[in-house]
N, C-alpha and C. Protein backbone atom coordinates (compact mmCIF):
# COMPACT_ATOMS: atom_id res chain seq x y z
N MET A 1 -34.44 -13.13 -2.66
CA MET A 1 -33.75 -11.90 -1.55
C MET A 1 -32.93 -13.31 -0.73
N GLU A 2 -32.90 -14.33 -0.59
CA GLU A 2 -32.09 -14.75 0.55
C GLU A 2 -30.73 -15.45 -0.49
N ASN A 3 -30.87 -15.81 -1.79
CA ASN A 3 -29.50 -15.55 -2.71
C ASN A 3 -28.60 -14.68 -2.72
N SER A 4 -29.27 -13.45 -3.21
CA SER A 4 -28.62 -12.26 -2.98
C SER A 4 -27.67 -11.75 -2.30
N LEU A 5 -28.65 -12.07 -0.66
CA LEU A 5 -28.01 -11.94 0.50
C LEU A 5 -26.48 -12.60 0.60
N MET A 6 -26.43 -13.68 0.28
CA MET A 6 -25.55 -14.50 0.31
C MET A 6 -24.08 -14.18 -0.89
N TYR A 7 -24.87 -13.70 -1.69
CA TYR A 7 -23.59 -13.15 -2.34
C TYR A 7 -22.83 -11.75 -2.10
N ILE A 8 -23.96 -10.98 -1.20
CA ILE A 8 -23.16 -10.18 -0.75
C ILE A 8 -22.26 -10.34 0.83
N GLY A 9 -22.70 -11.73 1.34
CA GLY A 9 -21.78 -11.65 2.37
C GLY A 9 -20.64 -12.58 1.93
N VAL A 10 -20.73 -13.34 0.53
CA VAL A 10 -19.27 -13.59 -0.51
C VAL A 10 -18.25 -12.54 -0.48
N GLY A 11 -19.28 -11.26 -1.34
CA GLY A 11 -18.14 -10.11 -1.70
C GLY A 11 -17.64 -9.23 -0.40
N LEU A 12 -18.66 -9.34 0.99
CA LEU A 12 -17.62 -9.25 1.37
C LEU A 12 -16.19 -9.75 2.24
N CYS A 13 -16.23 -11.20 2.45
CA CYS A 13 -15.53 -11.92 2.50
C CYS A 13 -13.98 -11.97 2.00
N ALA A 14 -14.62 -11.61 0.27
CA ALA A 14 -13.84 -11.55 -0.27
C ALA A 14 -12.67 -9.97 -0.51
N LEU A 15 -13.64 -8.96 0.11
CA LEU A 15 -13.21 -7.47 0.70
C LEU A 15 -12.01 -7.95 1.87
N SER A 16 -12.29 -9.33 2.27
CA SER A 16 -11.37 -8.62 3.89
C SER A 16 -9.89 -10.03 3.43
N MET A 17 -10.75 -10.31 2.78
CA MET A 17 -9.37 -11.61 2.07
C MET A 17 -8.31 -10.60 1.34
N MET A 18 -8.93 -9.62 0.30
CA MET A 18 -7.82 -8.34 -0.14
C MET A 18 -7.29 -7.88 1.09
N ALA A 19 -8.30 -7.38 1.73
CA ALA A 19 -7.66 -6.54 3.22
C ALA A 19 -6.76 -7.09 3.84
N ALA A 20 -6.48 -9.00 3.46
CA ALA A 20 -5.31 -9.41 4.48
C ALA A 20 -4.56 -9.59 3.28
N ALA A 21 -4.20 -9.44 2.15
CA ALA A 21 -3.42 -9.56 1.08
C ALA A 21 -2.77 -8.13 0.85
N ILE A 22 -2.84 -6.89 1.27
CA ILE A 22 -2.30 -5.56 1.37
C ILE A 22 -1.99 -5.68 2.59
N GLY A 23 -2.30 -6.19 3.95
CA GLY A 23 -1.83 -6.37 5.04
C GLY A 23 -0.17 -6.82 4.76
N LEU A 24 -0.43 -7.83 4.00
CA LEU A 24 0.68 -9.17 3.89
C LEU A 24 1.61 -8.37 3.16
N GLY A 25 1.28 -7.48 2.19
CA GLY A 25 2.31 -7.07 1.37
C GLY A 25 3.05 -5.59 2.13
N ARG A 26 2.13 -4.94 2.82
CA ARG A 26 2.72 -4.40 4.16
C ARG A 26 3.86 -4.32 5.16
N VAL A 27 3.09 -6.23 5.65
CA VAL A 27 4.58 -6.32 6.58
C VAL A 27 5.59 -6.88 5.79
N TRP A 28 5.61 -7.14 4.63
CA TRP A 28 6.92 -7.65 3.91
C TRP A 28 7.39 -6.20 3.55
N SER A 29 7.12 -5.29 2.64
CA SER A 29 8.00 -4.50 2.78
C SER A 29 8.48 -3.33 3.78
N VAL A 30 7.49 -3.66 4.98
CA VAL A 30 8.53 -3.08 6.40
C VAL A 30 9.88 -4.03 6.87
N LEU A 31 9.29 -4.66 6.81
CA LEU A 31 10.33 -5.83 6.82
C LEU A 31 11.78 -5.75 6.10
N ILE A 32 11.96 -5.72 5.00
CA ILE A 32 12.56 -5.71 3.82
C ILE A 32 13.14 -4.25 3.89
N GLU A 33 12.60 -3.20 4.64
CA GLU A 33 12.83 -1.72 4.97
C GLU A 33 13.93 -1.43 5.87
N THR A 34 13.41 -2.51 6.61
CA THR A 34 13.76 -2.23 8.66
C THR A 34 15.92 -3.37 8.09
N ILE A 35 15.85 -4.32 7.40
CA ILE A 35 16.63 -5.29 7.49
C ILE A 35 17.57 -4.39 6.42
N GLY A 36 16.77 -3.49 5.21
CA GLY A 36 17.53 -3.19 4.18
C GLY A 36 18.58 -1.87 5.33
N ARG A 37 17.91 -1.42 6.85
CA ARG A 37 18.55 -0.29 6.96
C ARG A 37 19.09 -0.38 8.37
N ASN A 38 19.10 -1.72 9.03
CA ASN A 38 20.05 -2.06 10.14
C ASN A 38 19.84 -3.94 9.93
N PRO A 39 20.94 -4.50 9.06
CA PRO A 39 20.99 -5.71 8.94
C PRO A 39 21.50 -6.66 10.21
N GLN A 40 21.39 -6.03 11.12
CA GLN A 40 22.27 -6.86 12.74
C GLN A 40 20.65 -7.27 12.85
N VAL A 41 19.46 -6.86 12.72
CA VAL A 41 18.25 -7.24 13.54
C VAL A 41 17.37 -7.91 11.94
N LYS A 42 18.18 -8.88 11.12
CA LYS A 42 17.63 -9.58 10.28
C LYS A 42 16.84 -11.05 10.75
N LYS A 43 17.03 -11.64 11.71
CA LYS A 43 17.17 -12.36 12.82
C LYS A 43 15.72 -12.41 13.46
N ASP A 44 16.46 -11.24 14.17
CA ASP A 44 14.69 -10.88 14.77
C ASP A 44 13.34 -10.56 13.98
N VAL A 45 13.88 -9.81 13.35
CA VAL A 45 12.82 -8.97 12.74
C VAL A 45 12.16 -9.99 11.70
N GLN A 46 13.22 -10.65 11.00
CA GLN A 46 12.05 -11.92 10.40
C GLN A 46 11.60 -12.70 10.97
N THR A 47 12.03 -13.33 12.04
CA THR A 47 11.05 -14.13 12.74
C THR A 47 9.53 -13.75 13.25
N LEU A 48 9.83 -12.21 13.71
CA LEU A 48 8.77 -11.89 13.65
C LEU A 48 7.53 -11.18 12.49
N GLY A 49 8.41 -11.12 11.38
CA GLY A 49 7.63 -11.11 9.96
C GLY A 49 7.29 -12.28 9.81
N TYR A 50 7.60 -13.71 9.72
CA TYR A 50 7.17 -14.54 9.60
C TYR A 50 5.68 -15.19 10.71
N ILE A 51 5.23 -14.49 12.01
CA ILE A 51 4.33 -14.54 12.95
C ILE A 51 3.32 -13.76 12.49
N ALA A 52 3.94 -12.36 11.48
CA ALA A 52 3.06 -11.53 11.58
C ALA A 52 2.20 -12.04 9.62
N ALA A 53 3.08 -12.65 9.23
CA ALA A 53 2.45 -13.18 7.86
C ALA A 53 1.52 -14.49 8.49
N ALA A 54 1.67 -15.19 9.21
CA ALA A 54 0.92 -16.93 9.56
C ALA A 54 -0.57 -15.89 9.73
N PHE A 55 -0.25 -14.62 11.22
CA PHE A 55 -1.38 -14.69 11.50
C PHE A 55 -2.42 -13.51 10.24
N ILE A 56 -1.93 -13.12 9.51
CA ILE A 56 -2.41 -12.31 8.33
C ILE A 56 -2.99 -13.26 7.12
N GLU A 57 -2.39 -14.74 6.73
CA GLU A 57 -2.97 -15.39 6.51
C GLU A 57 -3.85 -16.39 6.99
N ALA A 58 -3.80 -16.29 8.18
CA ALA A 58 -4.97 -17.23 9.07
C ALA A 58 -6.59 -16.52 8.84
N ILE A 59 -6.67 -15.19 8.88
CA ILE A 59 -7.93 -14.46 9.25
C ILE A 59 -8.12 -14.22 7.44
N ALA A 60 -7.12 -14.52 6.56
CA ALA A 60 -7.68 -14.95 4.62
C ALA A 60 -8.44 -15.97 4.86
N LEU A 61 -7.53 -16.65 5.89
CA LEU A 61 -8.18 -18.41 5.42
C LEU A 61 -9.46 -18.73 5.92
N TYR A 62 -9.69 -17.90 7.60
CA TYR A 62 -10.85 -18.09 7.81
C TYR A 62 -12.10 -17.32 6.89
N ALA A 63 -11.57 -16.51 6.28
CA ALA A 63 -12.37 -15.77 5.14
C ALA A 63 -13.07 -16.37 4.23
N LEU A 64 -12.05 -16.92 3.47
CA LEU A 64 -12.12 -18.07 2.38
C LEU A 64 -13.45 -19.31 2.97
N VAL A 65 -13.06 -19.46 4.56
CA VAL A 65 -13.97 -20.91 4.86
C VAL A 65 -15.06 -20.62 4.96
N VAL A 66 -15.13 -19.20 5.31
CA VAL A 66 -16.57 -18.90 5.07
C VAL A 66 -17.41 -18.45 4.28
N ALA A 67 -16.73 -17.99 3.20
CA ALA A 67 -17.45 -17.83 1.98
C ALA A 67 -18.13 -18.92 1.44
N ILE A 68 -16.47 -20.18 0.96
CA ILE A 68 -17.29 -21.01 0.93
C ILE A 68 -18.38 -21.94 1.77
N LEU A 69 -18.61 -21.83 3.11
CA LEU A 69 -20.07 -22.25 3.69
C LEU A 69 -20.82 -21.70 3.16
N MET A 70 -20.98 -20.68 2.75
CA MET A 70 -22.37 -19.98 2.85
C MET A 70 -22.67 -20.09 1.20
N ILE A 71 -21.75 -20.04 0.20
CA ILE A 71 -21.82 -20.75 -1.20
C ILE A 71 -22.46 -22.28 -1.27
N VAL A 72 -21.79 -22.95 -0.11
CA VAL A 72 -22.62 -24.49 -0.29
C VAL A 72 -24.16 -24.56 0.76
N LYS A 73 -24.18 -23.76 1.58
CA LYS A 73 -25.63 -24.06 1.73
C LYS A 73 -26.48 -23.41 1.45
């Protein structure tokens, strides 16, 4: 029973990593669309896009670390 709960937890971590990937794709698509509509704001929007991408990737990496720790223990 304990082993099966571990796999359920790892699966939930994988779902959060998938959600982070979807969010990252959305950030970049909105960034490209915004720059396409108004090229003068490229510098400001691009900086904010990199910051948002870093935060989203951090969430995915935290989920990966938690999943690995669940498997190891």
